[in-house]
Amino acid sequence: MTEGRAEIKNRETIKWYEKPSVILLAVIVLGPLAIPLIWRSPVLSKWIKWSATVALIVLTIWFLKCSASLYQTLIKELAMLQDLLRQTQ
């Protein structure tokens, strides 16, 4: 017979850093650095682990692209501001 997930959870002692609430907080604070915690948790199913891993990687890439775009815009705006300040002096 196969044991249900609830029976496995009751039988095993779940450490504080393997609880879903702690993992969610780690994902919010640490981003992709929390992936090992996701995979270590016995509470989460494989589907959730894979989904969370892919989502974190995609979000990280998106945030990096947005940050690079913002940086380029900032550099352009600063150059324009410097030109404007030179013209007024």
C-alpha atoms as a PDB file:
ATOM      1  CA  MET A   1       0.000   0.000   0.000  1.00  0.00           C
ATOM      2  CA  THR A   2       1.097   3.521  -0.617  1.00  0.00           C
ATOM      3  CA  GLU A   3       1.182   6.001   2.179  1.00  0.00           C
ATOM      4  CA  GLY A   4      -0.490   9.367   1.740  1.00  0.00           C
ATOM      5  CA  ARG A   5       1.449  12.596   1.907  1.00  0.00           C
ATOM      6  CA  ALA A   6      -0.204  13.505   5.231  1.00  0.00           C
ATOM      7  CA  GLU A   7       0.958  10.236   6.780  1.00  0.00           C
ATOM      8  CA  ILE A   8       4.518  10.846   5.634  1.00  0.00           C
ATOM      9  CA  LYS A   9       4.413  14.392   7.047  1.00  0.00           C
ATOM     10  CA  ASN A  10       3.133  13.134  10.390  1.00  0.00           C
ATOM     11  CA  ARG A  11       5.775  10.437  10.587  1.00  0.00           C
ATOM     12  CA  GLU A  12       8.711  12.667   9.743  1.00  0.00           C
ATOM     13  CA  THR A  13       9.784  15.664  11.735  1.00  0.00           C
ATOM     14  CA  ILE A  14       9.861  18.680   9.458  1.00  0.00           C
ATOM     15  CA  LYS A  15      12.608  21.150  10.239  1.00  0.00           C
ATOM     16  CA  TRP A  16      11.741  24.828  10.488  1.00  0.00           C
ATOM     17  CA  TYR A  17      13.606  25.716   7.289  1.00  0.00           C
ATOM     18  CA  GLU A  18      11.676  23.069   5.323  1.00  0.00           C
ATOM     19  CA  LYS A  19       8.252  24.555   6.064  1.00  0.00           C
ATOM     20  CA  PRO A  20       6.441  26.186   3.118  1.00  0.00           C
ATOM     21  CA  SER A  21       6.011  29.522   4.930  1.00  0.00           C
ATOM     22  CA  VAL A  22       9.751  29.795   5.580  1.00  0.00           C
ATOM     23  CA  ILE A  23      10.514  28.794   1.992  1.00  0.00           C
ATOM     24  CA  LEU A  24       8.134  31.440   0.672  1.00  0.00           C
ATOM     25  CA  LEU A  25       9.791  34.081   2.856  1.00  0.00           C
ATOM     26  CA  ALA A  26      13.226  32.935   1.638  1.00  0.00           C
ATOM     27  CA  VAL A  27      12.074  33.172  -1.986  1.00  0.00           C
ATOM     28  CA  ILE A  28      10.821  36.720  -1.416  1.00  0.00           C
ATOM     29  CA  VAL A  29      14.002  37.824   0.372  1.00  0.00           C
ATOM     30  CA  LEU A  30      16.689  35.773  -1.396  1.00  0.00           C
ATOM     31  CA  GLY A  31      15.179  35.102  -4.809  1.00  0.00           C
ATOM     32  CA  PRO A  32      16.970  32.339  -6.715  1.00  0.00           C
ATOM     33  CA  LEU A  33      19.296  31.669  -3.787  1.00  0.00           C
ATOM     34  CA  ALA A  34      16.337  29.947  -2.105  1.00  0.00           C
ATOM     35  CA  ILE A  35      16.138  27.199  -4.754  1.00  0.00           C
ATOM     36  CA  PRO A  36      18.086  24.683  -2.604  1.00  0.00           C
ATOM     37  CA  LEU A  37      15.537  25.190   0.196  1.00  0.00           C
ATOM     38  CA  ILE A  38      12.717  24.472  -2.236  1.00  0.00           C
ATOM     39  CA  TRP A  39      14.298  21.198  -3.322  1.00  0.00           C
ATOM     40  CA  ARG A  40      15.173  20.154   0.220  1.00  0.00           C
ATOM     41  CA  SER A  41      11.603  20.396   1.505  1.00  0.00           C
ATOM     42  CA  PRO A  42       9.798  17.035   1.826  1.00  0.00           C
ATOM     43  CA  VAL A  43       6.442  18.835   1.996  1.00  0.00           C
ATOM     44  CA  LEU A  44       6.483  20.183  -1.565  1.00  0.00           C
ATOM     45  CA  SER A  45       5.691  17.929  -4.515  1.00  0.00           C
ATOM     46  CA  LYS A  46       8.089  17.534  -7.451  1.00  0.00           C
ATOM     47  CA  TRP A  47       5.697  19.497  -9.677  1.00  0.00           C
ATOM     48  CA  ILE A  48       5.746  22.462  -7.274  1.00  0.00           C
ATOM     49  CA  LYS A  49       9.528  22.251  -6.944  1.00  0.00           C
ATOM     50  CA  TRP A  50      10.030  22.317 -10.714  1.00  0.00           C
ATOM     51  CA  SER A  51       7.435  25.052 -11.210  1.00  0.00           C
ATOM     52  CA  ALA A  52       8.959  27.258  -8.521  1.00  0.00           C
ATOM     53  CA  THR A  53      12.476  26.713  -9.883  1.00  0.00           C
ATOM     54  CA  VAL A  54      11.503  27.628 -13.450  1.00  0.00           C
ATOM     55  CA  ALA A  55       9.458  30.625 -12.256  1.00  0.00           C
ATOM     56  CA  LEU A  56      12.355  31.929 -10.150  1.00  0.00           C
ATOM     57  CA  ILE A  57      14.827  31.575 -13.009  1.00  0.00           C
ATOM     58  CA  VAL A  58      12.496  33.316 -15.469  1.00  0.00           C
ATOM     59  CA  LEU A  59      11.750  36.129 -13.001  1.00  0.00           C
ATOM     60  CA  THR A  60      15.440  36.571 -12.237  1.00  0.00           C
ATOM     61  CA  ILE A  61      16.291  36.878 -15.936  1.00  0.00           C
ATOM     62  CA  TRP A  62      13.431  39.346 -16.418  1.00  0.00           C
ATOM     63  CA  PHE A  63      14.541  41.456 -13.434  1.00  0.00           C
ATOM     64  CA  LEU A  64      18.120  41.491 -14.733  1.00  0.00           C
ATOM     65  CA  LYS A  65      16.958  42.659 -18.168  1.00  0.00           C
ATOM     66  CA  CYS A  66      14.794  45.356 -16.585  1.00  0.00           C
ATOM     67  CA  SER A  67      17.696  46.480 -14.410  1.00  0.00           C
ATOM     68  CA  ALA A  68      20.032  46.690 -17.423  1.00  0.00           C
ATOM     69  CA  SER A  69      17.454  48.711 -19.344  1.00  0.00           C
ATOM     70  CA  LEU A  70      16.919  51.034 -16.391  1.00  0.00           C
ATOM     71  CA  TYR A  71      20.680  51.506 -16.027  1.00  0.00           C
ATOM     72  CA  GLN A  72      21.041  52.418 -19.711  1.00  0.00           C
ATOM     73  CA  THR A  73      18.185  54.906 -19.439  1.00  0.00           C
ATOM     74  CA  LEU A  74      19.728  56.426 -16.332  1.00  0.00           C
ATOM     75  CA  ILE A  75      23.102  56.848 -18.049  1.00  0.00           C
ATOM     76  CA  LYS A  76      21.434  58.561 -21.034  1.00  0.00           C
ATOM     77  CA  GLU A  77      19.463  60.892 -18.759  1.00  0.00           C
ATOM     78  CA  LEU A  78      22.577  61.796 -16.775  1.00  0.00           C
ATOM     79  CA  ALA A  79      24.453  62.589 -19.981  1.00  0.00           C
ATOM     80  CA  MET A  80      21.589  64.823 -21.117  1.00  0.00           C
ATOM     81  CA  LEU A  81      21.552  66.541 -17.733  1.00  0.00           C
ATOM     82  CA  GLN A  82      25.298  67.157 -17.903  1.00  0.00           C
ATOM     83  CA  ASP A  83      24.933  68.678 -21.373  1.00  0.00           C
ATOM     84  CA  LEU A  84      22.123  70.896 -20.129  1.00  0.00           C
ATOM     85  CA  LEU A  85      24.197  72.048 -17.159  1.00  0.00           C
ATOM     86  CA  ARG A  86      27.171  72.835 -19.433  1.00  0.00           C
ATOM     87  CA  GLN A  87      24.960  74.913 -21.690  1.00  0.00           C
ATOM     88  CA  THR A  88      23.626  77.006 -18.822  1.00  0.00           C
ATOM     89  CA  GLN A  89      27.076  77.846 -17.464  1.00  0.00           C
END
